[in-house]
C-alpha atoms as a PDB file:
ATOM      1  CA  MET A   1      -0.083  -0.073  -0.162  1.00  0.00           C
ATOM      2  CA  GLN A   2       1.230   3.512  -0.788  1.00  0.00           C
ATOM      3  CA  TYR A   3       1.076   6.196   1.747  1.00  0.00           C
ATOM      4  CA  THR A   4       0.840  10.083   1.089  1.00  0.00           C
ATOM      5  CA  PRO A   5       1.943  12.330   3.870  1.00  0.00           C
ATOM      6  CA  ILE A   6      -0.721  14.838   4.456  1.00  0.00           C
ATOM      7  CA  ILE A   7       1.109  16.332   7.693  1.00  0.00           C
ATOM      8  CA  GLN A   8       4.703  16.571   8.526  1.00  0.00           C
ATOM      9  CA  ALA A   9       6.282  18.055  11.563  1.00  0.00           C
ATOM     10  CA  GLN A  10       9.931  18.436  11.753  1.00  0.00           C
ATOM     11  CA  ASP A  11      12.117  19.387  14.837  1.00  0.00           C
ATOM     12  CA  LEU A  12       9.294  21.205  16.441  1.00  0.00           C
ATOM     13  CA  PHE A  13      10.054  23.202  19.440  1.00  0.00           C
ATOM     14  CA  TYR A  14       7.591  25.527  21.419  1.00  0.00           C
ATOM     15  CA  GLU A  15       8.678  27.707  23.957  1.00  0.00           C
ATOM     16  CA  ILE A  16       6.907  30.451  25.975  1.00  0.00           C
ATOM     17  CA  LEU A  17       8.608  33.276  28.048  1.00  0.00           C
ATOM     18  CA  THR A  18       7.176  33.838  31.691  1.00  0.00           C
ATOM     19  CA  THR A  19       8.163  36.960  33.665  1.00  0.00           C
ATOM     20  CA  ASN A  20       8.242  37.615  37.253  1.00  0.00           C
ATOM     21  CA  ILE A  21       9.582  40.456  39.413  1.00  0.00           C
ATOM     22  CA  HIS A  22      13.075  38.612  39.725  1.00  0.00           C
ATOM     23  CA  HIS A  23      13.844  37.112  36.472  1.00  0.00           C
ATOM     24  CA  ASN A  24      12.564  35.877  32.968  1.00  0.00           C
ATOM     25  CA  ASN A  25      11.902  32.001  32.766  1.00  0.00           C
ATOM     26  CA  GLN A  26      11.851  30.232  29.284  1.00  0.00           C
ATOM     27  CA  ILE A  27       9.483  27.176  29.517  1.00  0.00           C
ATOM     28  CA  ARG A  28       9.921  24.698  26.643  1.00  0.00           C
ATOM     29  CA  ILE A  29       6.578  22.805  25.979  1.00  0.00           C
ATOM     30  CA  LEU A  30       7.513  20.774  22.761  1.00  0.00           C
ATOM     31  CA  GLN A  31      11.227  19.857  22.041  1.00  0.00           C
ATOM     32  CA  GLY A  32      12.477  18.453  18.687  1.00  0.00           C
ATOM     33  CA  LEU A  33       9.026  16.920  18.038  1.00  0.00           C
ATOM     34  CA  ASN A  34       8.623  15.055  14.838  1.00  0.00           C
ATOM     35  CA  LEU A  35       5.418  13.567  13.341  1.00  0.00           C
ATOM     36  CA  THR A  36       4.042  12.345  10.104  1.00  0.00           C
ATOM     37  CA  ILE A  37       0.436  11.737   9.393  1.00  0.00           C
ATOM     38  CA  GLN A  38      -0.891   9.927   6.432  1.00  0.00           C
ATOM     39  CA  THR A  39      -3.763  10.948   4.158  1.00  0.00           C
ATOM     40  CA  GLY A  40      -7.009   9.356   5.498  1.00  0.00           C
ATOM     41  CA  GLU A  41      -5.380   8.486   8.887  1.00  0.00           C
ATOM     42  CA  GLN A  42      -7.374   8.762  12.336  1.00  0.00           C
ATOM     43  CA  VAL A  43      -4.687   9.832  14.813  1.00  0.00           C
ATOM     44  CA  ALA A  44      -5.425  10.542  18.740  1.00  0.00           C
ATOM     45  CA  ILE A  45      -2.881  12.621  20.553  1.00  0.00           C
ATOM     46  CA  ILE A  46      -3.184  11.872  24.284  1.00  0.00           C
ATOM     47  CA  GLY A  47      -1.163  13.002  27.210  1.00  0.00           C
ATOM     48  CA  SER A  48      -1.644  14.484  30.783  1.00  0.00           C
ATOM     49  CA  SER A  49      -3.064  17.825  31.567  1.00  0.00           C
ATOM     50  CA  GLY A  50      -0.788  20.486  30.409  1.00  0.00           C
ATOM     51  CA  SER A  51       1.514  18.252  28.330  1.00  0.00           C
ATOM     52  CA  GLY A  52       0.952  20.563  25.258  1.00  0.00           C
ATOM     53  CA  LYS A  53      -1.676  18.499  23.151  1.00  0.00           C
ATOM     54  CA  SER A  54      -3.520  21.523  22.470  1.00  0.00           C
ATOM     55  CA  THR A  55      -0.277  23.437  21.581  1.00  0.00           C
ATOM     56  CA  LEU A  56       0.639  20.856  19.139  1.00  0.00           C
ATOM     57  CA  LEU A  57      -2.778  20.900  17.376  1.00  0.00           C
ATOM     58  CA  SER A  58      -2.531  24.790  17.188  1.00  0.00           C
ATOM     59  CA  LEU A  59       0.874  24.384  15.573  1.00  0.00           C
ATOM     60  CA  LEU A  60      -0.093  21.575  13.112  1.00  0.00           C
ATOM     61  CA  ALA A  61      -3.336  23.869  12.292  1.00  0.00           C
ATOM     62  CA  GLY A  62      -1.061  27.132  11.997  1.00  0.00           C
ATOM     63  CA  LEU A  63      -3.074  28.778  14.731  1.00  0.00           C
ATOM     64  CA  ASP A  64       0.306  29.307  16.280  1.00  0.00           C
ATOM     65  CA  VAL A  65       3.821  29.199  14.934  1.00  0.00           C
ATOM     66  CA  PRO A  66       6.639  26.879  16.434  1.00  0.00           C
ATOM     67  CA  THR A  67       9.865  28.626  18.061  1.00  0.00           C
ATOM     68  CA  ARG A  68      11.895  26.289  15.844  1.00  0.00           C
ATOM     69  CA  GLY A  69      11.148  23.711  13.097  1.00  0.00           C
ATOM     70  CA  ASN A  70       8.494  23.411  10.534  1.00  0.00           C
ATOM     71  CA  VAL A  71       5.118  22.035   9.722  1.00  0.00           C
ATOM     72  CA  GLN A  72       4.278  21.017   5.987  1.00  0.00           C
ATOM     73  CA  ILE A  73       0.774  20.316   4.862  1.00  0.00           C
ATOM     74  CA  GLN A  74       0.244  18.218   1.475  1.00  0.00           C
ATOM     75  CA  ASN A  75       4.021  18.703   1.174  1.00  0.00           C
ATOM     76  CA  MET A  76       3.895  22.424   0.953  1.00  0.00           C
ATOM     77  CA  PRO A  77       5.572  24.809   3.578  1.00  0.00           C
ATOM     78  CA  PHE A  78       2.823  25.935   5.996  1.00  0.00           C
ATOM     79  CA  SER A  79       4.274  27.061   9.238  1.00  0.00           C
ATOM     80  CA  SER A  80       6.683  29.612   7.524  1.00  0.00           C
ATOM     81  CA  LEU A  81       3.767  31.147   5.781  1.00  0.00           C
ATOM     82  CA  ASP A  82       2.389  34.630   7.409  1.00  0.00           C
ATOM     83  CA  GLU A  83      -0.786  34.832   9.189  1.00  0.00           C
ATOM     84  CA  ASP A  84      -2.942  35.422   6.178  1.00  0.00           C
ATOM     85  CA  GLY A  85      -1.272  32.529   4.239  1.00  0.00           C
ATOM     86  CA  ARG A  86      -1.894  30.211   7.032  1.00  0.00           C
ATOM     87  CA  ALA A  87      -5.434  31.451   7.273  1.00  0.00           C
ATOM     88  CA  ALA A  88      -6.004  30.851   3.526  1.00  0.00           C
ATOM     89  CA  GLN A  89      -4.750  27.195   3.795  1.00  0.00           C
ATOM     90  CA  ARG A  90      -7.026  26.585   6.883  1.00  0.00           C
ATOM     91  CA  ALA A  91     -10.043  27.706   4.799  1.00  0.00           C
ATOM     92  CA  LYS A  92      -9.122  25.643   1.901  1.00  0.00           C
ATOM     93  CA  SER A  93      -8.420  22.237   3.561  1.00  0.00           C
ATOM     94  CA  MET A  94      -9.071  22.271   7.297  1.00  0.00           C
ATOM     95  CA  GLY A  95     -11.972  21.741   9.657  1.00  0.00           C
ATOM     96  CA  PHE A  96     -12.380  22.321  13.307  1.00  0.00           C
ATOM     97  CA  VAL A  97     -14.292  20.805  16.310  1.00  0.00           C
ATOM     98  CA  PHE A  98     -13.494  22.350  19.578  1.00  0.00           C
ATOM     99  CA  GLN A  99     -14.540  21.366  23.343  1.00  0.00           C
ATOM    100  CA  SER A 100     -16.337  24.628  23.758  1.00  0.00           C
ATOM    101  CA  PHE A 101     -18.362  24.165  20.299  1.00  0.00           C
ATOM    102  CA  GLN A 102     -17.280  27.764  19.207  1.00  0.00           C
ATOM    103  CA  LEU A 103     -20.710  28.632  17.596  1.00  0.00           C
ATOM    104  CA  LEU A 104     -21.671  32.253  17.068  1.00  0.00           C
ATOM    105  CA  PRO A 105     -24.430  32.900  19.278  1.00  0.00           C
ATOM    106  CA  SER A 106     -26.153  35.524  17.156  1.00  0.00           C
ATOM    107  CA  LEU A 107     -26.230  32.948  14.178  1.00  0.00           C
ATOM    108  CA  THR A 108     -28.846  30.182  13.671  1.00  0.00           C
ATOM    109  CA  ALA A 109     -27.404  26.529  13.235  1.00  0.00           C
ATOM    110  CA  LEU A 110     -27.703  26.656   9.778  1.00  0.00           C
ATOM    111  CA  GLU A 111     -25.992  30.229   9.579  1.00  0.00           C
ATOM    112  CA  ASN A 112     -23.232  28.757  11.757  1.00  0.00           C
ATOM    113  CA  VAL A 113     -22.865  25.852   9.345  1.00  0.00           C
ATOM    114  CA  MET A 114     -22.944  28.053   6.150  1.00  0.00           C
ATOM    115  CA  LEU A 115     -20.406  30.688   7.543  1.00  0.00           C
ATOM    116  CA  PRO A 116     -17.100  28.997   6.492  1.00  0.00           C
ATOM    117  CA  LEU A 117     -18.727  28.142   3.052  1.00  0.00           C
ATOM    118  CA  GLN A 118     -19.766  31.580   2.636  1.00  0.00           C
ATOM    119  CA  LEU A 119     -16.106  32.737   3.445  1.00  0.00           C
ATOM    120  CA  LYS A 120     -14.997  30.666   0.545  1.00  0.00           C
ATOM    121  CA  ASN A 121     -17.840  31.987  -1.619  1.00  0.00           C
ATOM    122  CA  ALA A 122     -19.219  28.533  -2.037  1.00  0.00           C
ATOM    123  CA  PRO A 123     -22.294  28.931  -4.579  1.00  0.00           C
ATOM    124  CA  ASP A 124     -24.227  26.151  -3.016  1.00  0.00           C
ATOM    125  CA  ALA A 125     -23.472  27.144   0.834  1.00  0.00           C
ATOM    126  CA  LYS A 126     -27.149  26.873   1.778  1.00  0.00           C
ATOM    127  CA  VAL A 127     -27.618  23.340   0.301  1.00  0.00           C
ATOM    128  CA  LEU A 128     -24.262  21.874   1.576  1.00  0.00           C
ATOM    129  CA  SER A 129     -25.175  23.139   4.910  1.00  0.00           C
ATOM    130  CA  LEU A 130     -28.720  21.632   5.163  1.00  0.00           C
ATOM    131  CA  GLU A 131     -27.143  18.299   3.930  1.00  0.00           C
ATOM    132  CA  ALA A 132     -24.607  18.438   6.571  1.00  0.00           C
ATOM    133  CA  LEU A 133     -27.101  19.292   9.324  1.00  0.00           C
ATOM    134  CA  ASN A 134     -29.690  16.582   8.073  1.00  0.00           C
ATOM    135  CA  LYS A 135     -26.659  14.147   8.351  1.00  0.00           C
ATOM    136  CA  VAL A 136     -26.094  14.830  12.045  1.00  0.00           C
ATOM    137  CA  GLY A 137     -29.834  14.495  12.539  1.00  0.00           C
ATOM    138  CA  LEU A 138     -30.546  18.307  13.255  1.00  0.00           C
ATOM    139  CA  SER A 139     -32.775  18.891  10.140  1.00  0.00           C
ATOM    140  CA  GLN A 140     -35.666  20.345  12.407  1.00  0.00           C
ATOM    141  CA  ARG A 141     -33.226  22.429  14.200  1.00  0.00           C
ATOM    142  CA  THR A 142     -31.860  24.682  11.582  1.00  0.00           C
ATOM    143  CA  GLN A 143     -33.413  27.900  12.544  1.00  0.00           C
ATOM    144  CA  HIS A 144     -32.737  27.388  16.270  1.00  0.00           C
ATOM    145  CA  TYR A 145     -29.736  29.632  18.086  1.00  0.00           C
ATOM    146  CA  PRO A 146     -27.143  27.954  20.084  1.00  0.00           C
ATOM    147  CA  LYS A 147     -28.771  28.943  23.296  1.00  0.00           C
ATOM    148  CA  GLN A 148     -31.619  26.986  22.348  1.00  0.00           C
ATOM    149  CA  LEU A 149     -29.923  23.818  21.619  1.00  0.00           C
ATOM    150  CA  SER A 150     -28.446  21.272  24.150  1.00  0.00           C
ATOM    151  CA  GLY A 151     -24.754  20.822  24.505  1.00  0.00           C
ATOM    152  CA  GLY A 152     -24.815  17.566  22.422  1.00  0.00           C
ATOM    153  CA  GLU A 153     -26.985  19.481  19.747  1.00  0.00           C
ATOM    154  CA  GLN A 154     -24.322  22.370  19.510  1.00  0.00           C
ATOM    155  CA  GLN A 155     -21.537  19.804  18.898  1.00  0.00           C
ATOM    156  CA  ARG A 156     -23.557  18.337  16.174  1.00  0.00           C
ATOM    157  CA  VAL A 157     -23.688  21.597  14.608  1.00  0.00           C
ATOM    158  CA  ALA A 158     -20.010  22.114  15.131  1.00  0.00           C
ATOM    159  CA  ILE A 159     -19.530  18.610  13.469  1.00  0.00           C
ATOM    160  CA  ALA A 160     -21.759  19.805  10.592  1.00  0.00           C
ATOM    161  CA  ARG A 161     -19.872  22.983  10.062  1.00  0.00           C
ATOM    162  CA  ALA A 162     -16.606  21.181  10.052  1.00  0.00           C
ATOM    163  CA  PHE A 163     -17.619  18.502   7.593  1.00  0.00           C
ATOM    164  CA  ALA A 164     -19.748  20.962   5.339  1.00  0.00           C
ATOM    165  CA  THR A 165     -16.514  22.373   3.710  1.00  0.00           C
ATOM    166  CA  GLN A 166     -15.361  19.030   2.733  1.00  0.00           C
ATOM    167  CA  PRO A 167     -11.895  19.452   4.422  1.00  0.00           C
ATOM    168  CA  ALA A 168      -8.827  17.369   3.724  1.00  0.00           C
ATOM    169  CA  ILE A 169      -8.051  17.386   7.590  1.00  0.00           C
ATOM    170  CA  LEU A 170     -10.282  17.589  10.477  1.00  0.00           C
ATOM    171  CA  PHE A 171      -8.736  18.829  13.952  1.00  0.00           C
ATOM    172  CA  ALA A 172     -10.884  17.863  16.934  1.00  0.00           C
ATOM    173  CA  ASP A 173      -9.839  19.256  20.441  1.00  0.00           C
ATOM    174  CA  GLU A 174     -11.334  17.302  23.363  1.00  0.00           C
ATOM    175  CA  PRO A 175     -14.752  17.015  21.159  1.00  0.00           C
ATOM    176  CA  THR A 176     -16.425  15.268  23.970  1.00  0.00           C
ATOM    177  CA  GLY A 177     -14.922  17.150  27.070  1.00  0.00           C
ATOM    178  CA  ASN A 178     -18.021  19.058  27.766  1.00  0.00           C
ATOM    179  CA  LEU A 179     -20.501  16.466  27.346  1.00  0.00           C
ATOM    180  CA  ASP A 180     -21.904  13.707  29.553  1.00  0.00           C
ATOM    181  CA  ASN A 181     -20.906  10.119  28.754  1.00  0.00           C
ATOM    182  CA  ALA A 182     -24.009   9.196  26.901  1.00  0.00           C
ATOM    183  CA  THR A 183     -23.933  12.274  24.952  1.00  0.00           C
ATOM    184  CA  GLY A 184     -20.391  11.957  24.189  1.00  0.00           C
ATOM    185  CA  GLN A 185     -21.013   8.343  22.760  1.00  0.00           C
ATOM    186  CA  ILE A 186     -23.308   9.683  20.459  1.00  0.00           C
ATOM    187  CA  ILE A 187     -20.923  12.218  19.118  1.00  0.00           C
ATOM    188  CA  ILE A 188     -17.970   9.941  19.077  1.00  0.00           C
ATOM    189  CA  GLU A 189     -20.172   7.512  16.753  1.00  0.00           C
ATOM    190  CA  LEU A 190     -21.316  10.575  14.669  1.00  0.00           C
ATOM    191  CA  LEU A 191     -17.622  11.921  14.169  1.00  0.00           C
ATOM    192  CA  PHE A 192     -16.241   8.616  13.063  1.00  0.00           C
ATOM    193  CA  SER A 193     -19.400   7.782  10.757  1.00  0.00           C
ATOM    194  CA  MET A 194     -18.739  11.101   9.053  1.00  0.00           C
ATOM    195  CA  ASN A 195     -15.182  10.740   9.029  1.00  0.00           C
ATOM    196  CA  ALA A 196     -15.609   7.016   7.204  1.00  0.00           C
ATOM    197  CA  GLU A 197     -17.898   8.543   4.803  1.00  0.00           C
ATOM    198  CA  THR A 198     -15.694  11.223   3.681  1.00  0.00           C
ATOM    199  CA  GLY A 199     -12.250  10.164   3.989  1.00  0.00           C
ATOM    200  CA  THR A 200     -11.137  13.028   5.886  1.00  0.00           C
ATOM    201  CA  THR A 201      -7.791  12.789   7.847  1.00  0.00           C
ATOM    202  CA  LEU A 202      -8.735  12.968  11.594  1.00  0.00           C
ATOM    203  CA  VAL A 203      -6.504  14.319  14.097  1.00  0.00           C
ATOM    204  CA  LEU A 204      -7.838  14.623  17.522  1.00  0.00           C
ATOM    205  CA  VAL A 205      -6.464  15.647  21.171  1.00  0.00           C
ATOM    206  CA  THR A 206      -8.463  13.766  23.721  1.00  0.00           C
ATOM    207  CA  HIS A 207      -8.218  12.530  27.437  1.00  0.00           C
ATOM    208  CA  ASP A 208     -10.842  10.071  26.622  1.00  0.00           C
ATOM    209  CA  ILE A 209      -9.274   6.494  26.245  1.00  0.00           C
ATOM    210  CA  HIS A 210     -12.250   5.157  24.552  1.00  0.00           C
ATOM    211  CA  LEU A 211     -12.281   7.963  22.143  1.00  0.00           C
ATOM    212  CA  ALA A 212      -8.318   7.422  21.414  1.00  0.00           C
ATOM    213  CA  ASN A 213      -8.990   3.684  21.022  1.00  0.00           C
ATOM    214  CA  ARG A 214     -11.266   4.144  18.005  1.00  0.00           C
ATOM    215  CA  CYS A 215      -8.390   5.841  16.136  1.00  0.00           C
ATOM    216  CA  GLN A 216      -5.789   3.928  14.119  1.00  0.00           C
ATOM    217  CA  ARG A 217      -3.047   5.522  15.801  1.00  0.00           C
ATOM    218  CA  GLN A 218      -2.525   6.567  19.376  1.00  0.00           C
ATOM    219  CA  LEU A 219       0.428   9.177  20.102  1.00  0.00           C
ATOM    220  CA  LYS A 220       1.271   9.990  23.695  1.00  0.00           C
ATOM    221  CA  LEU A 221       2.798  13.330  24.298  1.00  0.00           C
ATOM    222  CA  GLU A 222       5.415  13.136  27.245  1.00  0.00           C
ATOM    223  CA  ASN A 223       8.167  15.847  28.272  1.00  0.00           C
ATOM    224  CA  GLY A 224       7.685  17.612  24.823  1.00  0.00           C
ATOM    225  CA  VAL A 225       8.056  14.353  22.640  1.00  0.00           C
ATOM    226  CA  LEU A 226       5.564  12.213  21.046  1.00  0.00           C
ATOM    227  CA  ASN A 227       5.813   8.263  21.591  1.00  0.00           C
ATOM    228  CA  GLU A 228       3.502   5.957  19.678  1.00  0.00           C
ATOM    229  CA  LEU A 229       1.377   3.615  21.687  1.00  0.00           C
ATOM    230  CA  ILE A 230       1.352   0.025  20.044  1.00  0.00           C
ATOM    231  CA  LYS A 231      -2.080  -1.646  20.136  1.00  0.00           C
ATOM    232  CA  ALA A 232      -2.458  -5.040  21.827  1.00  0.00           C
END
């Protein structure tokens, strides 16, 4: 089988500077991290709280830039682009599902899903958005605002929004973190069924072992480096 890398991180370092009255302190979160993710893979990044999982996801998605090292997306330089260049690449090829849903409260469910499509000037934004909401079981809730939806329904809207743009890569940061176990299980099933249907590359950060076990690969972040866990 021939594999095609879609994400490559090479020698990634990420450091932050903290300051107090006495001195400055450099904290290293990632150190010399290397990672290759193949097209269509499902990869879970796990690790203890504060290990840098969300930081790594932000670097891979171009929401932040590494202190040193580089990230390539589809064999093209990514982390070296300016902010506008990275934003354009995200709009073109990436979708996102966050723990906190990140829905705009002033927009209906349909309008929230349509927004990234409209930003891409997609002529069929409404049709694609209605299709996506139907797939996540919200065809009767399209005109409801986030405050009128349960947490699980809001996350379904977020998943519909992420998949409506038909992204090459979907990044998910603790997608079940704000949900009870039963609702979280429904969201997990939905996330993976839509992933299987579209063939999107899935990269997720989670502390949920059940969710991580659904992925083809599990990578544990410890002391700023990634170690692959071998499934039994």
